[in-house]
Amino acid sequence: MGLRDLNDEVRWERMFPDQLERRFTQWPVLYQPYGLCEPHGPHNALGLDALKAHKIACLTACRHGGIVAPPDYWHIHELGDYAIWASEMIGEIERDWLTAVPPWHHFKSVCWHLRIADRLGFKAVILLTGHYGVNYVDLKRLVELVQPAVAARLFALADFEADTEGFDGRGKPQGDHAGKIETSQLWALEPAAVDMSRLPPDDRTGPHFAMGRDASEASTASGVRMVERQVAWLAEKTRGLVADYGRIAPTVRLRSFDDVERLWQDIVEPALPGFQSMQPDPNHTDRKISQQSHWGVNWNAGSLHRRSR
């Protein structure tokens, strides 16, 4: 089966109840894709992150079982490390077309997603983000914090972590931003969302809407190889998670709205100030952003939020 083909419907929102029940009975695994609409060069659709994660999840579920939840396009940006990066790679433009929310909003939304999965009885949940930066490290931390309260076995990762061979098959790099790696992946997965004719000439300087410098080296063949490895890796991971569920036989279940509120207030919120996406400069670049900058408005929002609690 090619990357563009789905011979069986796996998308939650497009299935009928009997189809959902059948797929759940066959393999009670849920894939929850995350991403963001953000600048990805003039040649890629802005939804690259979630488009990529969603299609990888769909291919995995189609070939190996499971259900894919509706993708969440509202993700972390505009503050801390993201603002520092954006000031250089996006620049002072009037409209950046970001679908950004703060960390405390995003991670609480994840908790609500997990409630639905656990209430329905899924044995494993893969939280797959196509949006990178420090958020995916925090997502792993969130999973560590909430797993004791959730029956489903949880695993969080950025999609590039599912391919250890990388673009050239030599092991690195595995991920980039709107460069040859992400462009190749999206080109293979959603060809209508990539238009290489929009690339600027190689000698034209500028941030180019956050385009990776090596984007012109992208190829669909490389994208197919990377995605195939990611699908195989995810399938193997879910088998291990389902086996863990059977071995542990968990009795807890995240069911009610109150369950989520208590989990957030007692466990997650006290740990949130330590999340990397809450820090103004988690990579210790010693950079600061002027309040007059397009990116200075929310740059220190994590610190301000910590102090307001």
Protein backbone atom coordinates (compact mmCIF):
# COMPACT_ATOMS: atom_id res chain seq x y z
CA MET A 1 0.00 0.00 0.00
CA GLY A 2 1.33 3.42 -0.93
CA LEU A 3 1.62 6.28 1.52
CA ARG A 4 -1.29 8.05 -0.09
CA ASP A 5 -3.69 5.13 0.20
CA LEU A 6 -5.87 4.09 3.13
CA ASN A 7 -7.72 0.87 2.37
CA ASP A 8 -9.71 0.97 5.61
CA GLU A 9 -11.04 4.00 7.47
CA VAL A 10 -9.22 4.65 10.75
CA ARG A 11 -10.13 8.30 11.45
CA TRP A 12 -12.44 8.56 14.45
CA GLU A 13 -14.39 11.48 13.02
CA ARG A 14 -15.12 9.71 9.72
CA MET A 15 -16.26 6.34 11.06
CA PHE A 16 -19.71 5.02 11.89
CA PRO A 17 -20.36 3.53 15.35
CA ASP A 18 -20.16 -0.08 14.17
CA GLN A 19 -16.82 0.63 12.46
CA LEU A 20 -15.41 2.20 15.62
CA GLU A 21 -16.58 -0.75 17.72
CA ARG A 22 -15.03 -3.22 15.31
CA ARG A 23 -11.67 -1.48 15.22
CA PHE A 24 -11.65 -1.01 18.99
CA THR A 25 -12.35 -4.70 19.55
CA GLN A 26 -9.61 -5.72 17.14
CA TRP A 27 -6.91 -3.44 18.58
CA PRO A 28 -7.81 -0.97 21.39
CA VAL A 29 -5.04 1.53 20.64
CA LEU A 30 -5.58 5.24 20.13
CA TYR A 31 -3.27 7.62 18.25
CA GLN A 32 -3.61 11.28 19.23
CA PRO A 33 -1.78 13.58 16.75
CA TYR A 34 -0.64 17.08 17.70
CA GLY A 35 0.74 19.91 15.63
CA LEU A 36 0.53 23.60 14.88
CA CYS A 37 -0.19 25.97 12.05
CA GLU A 38 3.01 27.99 11.76
CA PRO A 39 5.41 29.30 9.12
CA HIS A 40 7.08 26.41 7.31
CA GLY A 41 8.67 28.24 4.42
CA PRO A 42 6.85 29.53 1.34
CA HIS A 43 6.70 26.00 -0.06
CA ASN A 44 4.85 24.10 2.68
CA ALA A 45 1.30 24.40 3.96
CA LEU A 46 1.21 25.95 7.42
CA GLY A 47 -0.38 22.88 8.99
CA LEU A 48 2.67 20.72 8.21
CA ASP A 49 3.22 19.59 11.81
CA ALA A 50 -0.22 18.13 12.41
CA LEU A 51 -0.74 17.04 8.80
CA LYS A 52 2.42 14.98 9.08
CA ALA A 53 1.66 13.47 12.50
CA HIS A 54 -1.93 12.69 11.56
CA LYS A 55 -1.06 10.92 8.31
CA ILE A 56 1.73 8.89 9.95
CA ALA A 57 -0.75 7.81 12.62
CA CYS A 58 -3.37 6.94 10.00
CA LEU A 59 -0.93 4.80 8.04
CA THR A 60 0.11 2.98 11.21
CA ALA A 61 -3.46 2.34 12.28
CA CYS A 62 -4.49 1.21 8.80
CA ARG A 63 -1.69 -1.32 8.56
CA HIS A 64 -1.45 -2.47 12.17
CA GLY A 65 -4.74 -1.64 13.88
CA GLY A 66 -6.06 1.11 16.07
CA ILE A 67 -8.03 4.34 15.83
CA VAL A 68 -6.76 7.85 15.10
CA ALA A 69 -8.25 10.72 17.11
CA PRO A 70 -8.95 14.08 15.46
CA PRO A 71 -5.68 16.04 15.26
CA ASP A 72 -5.16 18.98 17.60
CA TYR A 73 -3.78 21.99 15.68
CA TRP A 74 -3.58 24.31 18.71
CA HIS A 75 -0.10 24.06 20.17
CA ILE A 76 2.68 25.92 22.01
CA HIS A 77 4.45 28.91 20.49
CA GLU A 78 5.14 32.65 20.96
CA LEU A 79 6.87 32.38 24.34
CA GLY A 80 10.27 31.41 25.66
CA ASP A 81 12.46 29.43 23.29
CA TYR A 82 9.81 29.67 20.57
CA ALA A 83 9.80 33.46 20.63
CA ILE A 84 13.61 33.54 20.51
CA TRP A 85 13.59 31.21 17.50
CA ALA A 86 10.77 33.08 15.77
CA SER A 87 12.46 36.46 16.12
CA GLU A 88 15.25 35.15 13.89
CA MET A 89 13.47 32.67 11.63
CA ILE A 90 10.13 34.38 11.07
CA GLY A 91 11.02 37.99 11.73
CA GLU A 92 8.91 41.08 12.27
CA ILE A 93 6.00 40.32 9.98
CA GLU A 94 2.45 41.55 10.35
CA ARG A 95 0.73 38.15 10.19
CA ASP A 96 2.45 34.90 11.12
CA TRP A 97 -0.70 32.69 10.92
CA LEU A 98 0.17 30.79 14.10
CA THR A 99 -2.44 28.73 15.97
CA ALA A 100 -0.56 29.16 19.25
CA VAL A 101 -1.74 28.61 22.82
CA PRO A 102 0.25 28.78 26.07
CA PRO A 103 1.66 25.63 27.72
CA TRP A 104 -0.87 25.61 30.55
CA HIS A 105 -3.70 25.53 28.01
CA HIS A 106 -2.14 22.90 25.76
CA PHE A 107 -1.17 20.46 28.49
CA LYS A 108 -4.53 20.66 30.22
CA SER A 109 -6.15 19.91 26.85
CA VAL A 110 -3.97 16.80 26.65
CA CYS A 111 -5.35 15.71 30.01
CA TRP A 112 -8.88 16.06 28.65
CA HIS A 113 -7.92 13.99 25.62
CA LEU A 114 -6.61 11.28 27.92
CA ARG A 115 -9.86 11.27 29.89
CA ILE A 116 -11.81 10.41 26.76
CA ALA A 117 -9.39 7.64 25.83
CA ASP A 118 -9.45 6.14 29.32
CA ARG A 119 -13.21 6.44 29.74
CA LEU A 120 -13.69 4.51 26.49
CA GLY A 121 -11.31 1.78 27.61
CA PHE A 122 -8.34 2.06 25.25
CA LYS A 123 -5.40 -0.04 26.41
CA ALA A 124 -2.72 2.21 24.88
CA VAL A 125 -2.47 5.80 23.70
CA ILE A 126 0.29 7.18 21.51
CA LEU A 127 0.64 10.96 21.82
CA LEU A 128 2.40 11.94 18.59
CA THR A 129 3.51 15.50 17.99
CA GLY A 130 4.79 16.82 14.68
CA HIS A 131 5.63 20.15 16.34
CA TYR A 132 9.08 20.22 17.90
CA GLY A 133 11.07 22.36 20.30
CA VAL A 134 10.97 21.88 24.05
CA ASN A 135 7.26 21.04 24.04
CA TYR A 136 7.83 17.37 23.21
CA VAL A 137 10.14 17.01 26.22
CA ASP A 138 7.42 18.50 28.40
CA LEU A 139 4.86 16.15 26.87
CA LYS A 140 6.95 13.21 28.04
CA ARG A 141 7.10 14.76 31.52
CA LEU A 142 3.31 15.15 31.51
CA VAL A 143 2.90 11.47 30.68
CA GLU A 144 5.16 10.54 33.59
CA LEU A 145 3.05 12.66 35.93
CA VAL A 146 -0.39 11.42 34.87
CA GLN A 147 0.28 7.75 34.07
CA PRO A 148 -0.47 6.55 37.65
CA ALA A 149 -4.00 7.97 37.29
CA VAL A 150 -4.63 6.55 33.81
CA ALA A 151 -5.32 2.91 32.96
CA ALA A 152 -4.30 3.17 29.31
CA ARG A 153 -0.56 2.78 28.81
CA LEU A 154 0.77 6.08 27.50
CA PHE A 155 3.69 7.00 25.28
CA ALA A 156 4.58 10.46 24.00
CA LEU A 157 7.04 11.33 21.26
CA ALA A 158 7.96 13.73 18.51
CA ASP A 159 7.58 11.96 15.18
CA PHE A 160 11.30 12.20 14.36
CA GLU A 161 12.05 9.97 17.36
CA ALA A 162 10.41 7.08 15.51
CA ASP A 163 13.09 7.15 12.79
CA THR A 164 16.60 6.60 14.05
CA GLU A 165 18.13 6.39 10.56
CA GLY A 166 17.25 9.91 9.42
CA PHE A 167 17.18 11.55 6.02
CA ASP A 168 20.29 9.91 4.61
CA GLY A 169 20.01 6.61 6.50
CA ARG A 170 23.10 7.38 8.58
CA GLY A 171 21.37 8.19 11.84
CA LYS A 172 21.26 11.98 11.86
CA PRO A 173 19.75 14.39 11.64
CA GLN A 174 16.30 13.00 12.23
CA GLY A 175 14.30 16.25 12.46
CA ASP A 176 14.39 19.79 11.14
CA HIS A 177 12.07 22.71 10.50
CA ALA A 178 10.77 23.15 6.94
CA GLY A 179 14.05 21.81 5.62
CA LYS A 180 14.81 18.71 3.60
CA ILE A 181 13.47 16.34 6.27
CA GLU A 182 10.04 17.81 7.04
CA THR A 183 9.53 18.88 3.45
CA SER A 184 10.30 15.36 2.24
CA GLN A 185 7.92 13.84 4.75
CA LEU A 186 5.03 16.14 3.90
CA TRP A 187 5.73 15.77 0.19
CA ALA A 188 5.40 12.00 0.51
CA LEU A 189 2.37 12.12 2.80
CA GLU A 190 0.38 15.07 1.48
CA PRO A 191 1.77 16.05 -1.92
CA ALA A 192 -0.84 18.77 -2.44
CA ALA A 193 0.54 20.54 0.66
CA VAL A 194 4.01 21.04 -0.87
CA ASP A 195 4.86 23.31 -3.79
CA MET A 196 8.58 23.36 -4.51
CA SER A 197 8.09 26.01 -7.20
CA ARG A 198 7.56 28.50 -4.36
CA LEU A 199 11.13 28.11 -3.09
CA PRO A 200 13.16 31.34 -3.34
CA PRO A 201 16.40 31.35 -5.34
CA ASP A 202 19.35 29.91 -3.43
CA ASP A 203 21.14 33.25 -3.40
CA ARG A 204 18.22 35.24 -1.97
CA THR A 205 18.86 35.97 1.71
CA GLY A 206 16.22 36.27 4.38
CA PRO A 207 14.30 34.12 6.84
CA HIS A 208 11.83 33.10 4.05
CA PHE A 209 8.98 32.41 6.46
CA ALA A 210 11.11 30.06 8.60
CA MET A 211 12.27 27.90 5.70
CA GLY A 212 15.07 25.44 6.39
CA ARG A 213 18.23 26.26 4.43
CA ASP A 214 18.44 22.81 2.84
CA ALA A 215 14.78 22.59 1.77
CA SER A 216 15.77 22.38 -1.89
CA GLU A 217 17.38 18.97 -1.16
CA ALA A 218 14.01 17.41 -0.26
CA SER A 219 12.70 14.41 -2.16
CA THR A 220 9.59 12.28 -2.00
CA ALA A 221 11.69 9.11 -2.07
CA SER A 222 13.49 10.16 1.11
CA GLY A 223 10.15 11.09 2.67
CA VAL A 224 8.71 7.65 1.90
CA ARG A 225 11.67 5.87 3.48
CA MET A 226 11.49 7.96 6.66
CA VAL A 227 7.74 7.51 7.01
CA GLU A 228 7.94 3.75 6.44
CA ARG A 229 10.42 3.45 9.31
CA GLN A 230 8.23 5.62 11.55
CA VAL A 231 5.16 3.49 10.88
CA ALA A 232 7.04 0.27 11.68
CA TRP A 233 8.49 1.76 14.87
CA LEU A 234 5.10 2.96 16.12
CA ALA A 235 3.48 -0.40 15.42
CA GLU A 236 6.12 -2.17 17.49
CA LYS A 237 5.74 0.35 20.32
CA THR A 238 1.97 -0.17 20.53
CA ARG A 239 2.43 -3.92 20.76
CA GLY A 240 4.63 -3.41 23.79
CA LEU A 241 2.17 -0.99 25.40
CA VAL A 242 -0.77 -3.37 24.98
CA ALA A 243 1.33 -6.17 26.46
CA ASP A 244 2.17 -3.91 29.42
CA TYR A 245 -1.53 -3.25 29.94
CA GLY A 246 -2.24 -6.97 30.11
CA ARG A 247 0.63 -7.58 32.50
CA ILE A 248 -0.20 -4.70 34.84
CA ALA A 249 -4.01 -5.03 34.64
CA PRO A 250 -4.56 -1.45 35.89
CA THR A 251 -7.67 -0.72 37.92
CA VAL A 252 -7.55 3.08 37.92
CA ARG A 253 -9.50 4.99 35.31
CA LEU A 254 -9.68 8.68 34.44
CA ARG A 255 -13.43 9.03 34.03
CA SER A 256 -15.03 12.25 35.22
CA PHE A 257 -14.50 15.96 34.75
CA ASP A 258 -13.66 16.11 38.46
CA ASP A 259 -11.01 13.43 37.96
CA VAL A 260 -9.25 15.63 35.42
CA GLU A 261 -9.55 18.78 37.53
CA ARG A 262 -8.09 17.03 40.57
CA LEU A 263 -5.30 15.48 38.51
CA TRP A 264 -4.42 18.89 37.10
CA GLN A 265 -4.59 20.76 40.40
CA ASP A 266 -2.83 18.18 42.56
CA ILE A 267 -0.27 16.67 40.19
CA VAL A 268 0.32 18.64 36.99
CA GLU A 269 -0.09 22.29 37.93
CA PRO A 270 2.45 22.16 40.79
CA ALA A 271 5.02 20.69 38.36
CA LEU A 272 4.19 23.02 35.47
CA PRO A 273 6.61 25.83 36.48
CA GLY A 274 9.48 23.41 35.86
CA PHE A 275 8.41 22.57 32.31
CA GLN A 276 10.91 23.77 29.72
CA SER A 277 8.26 25.52 27.65
CA MET A 278 7.53 27.72 30.67
CA GLN A 279 11.09 29.09 30.80
CA PRO A 280 12.08 32.31 29.00
CA ASP A 281 15.39 30.82 27.81
CA PRO A 282 15.45 27.03 28.39
CA ASN A 283 18.46 26.52 26.11
CA HIS A 284 20.50 29.16 27.95
CA THR A 285 21.20 31.35 24.93
CA ASP A 286 21.26 34.54 27.06
CA ARG A 287 18.87 36.06 24.54
CA LYS A 288 16.17 38.52 25.51
CA ILE A 289 13.51 40.04 23.31
CA SER A 290 12.39 43.65 23.37
CA GLN A 291 8.78 44.36 24.26
CA GLN A 292 8.61 46.37 21.05
CA SER A 293 9.26 43.23 19.03
CA HIS A 294 6.41 41.26 17.51
CA TRP A 295 7.76 38.37 19.58
CA GLY A 296 8.34 40.26 22.81
CA VAL A 297 4.70 40.44 23.83
CA ASN A 298 4.52 36.86 25.17
CA TRP A 299 8.20 35.95 25.36
CA ASN A 300 8.25 35.94 29.20
CA ALA A 301 4.65 34.77 29.64
CA GLY A 302 5.72 31.52 31.32
CA SER A 303 7.56 33.35 34.07
CA LEU A 304 4.67 35.77 34.57
CA HIS A 305 2.23 32.86 34.79
CA ARG A 306 4.39 31.14 37.41
CA ARG A 307 4.46 34.25 39.57
CA SER A 308 0.71 34.76 39.29
CA ARG A 309 -0.17 31.33 40.70
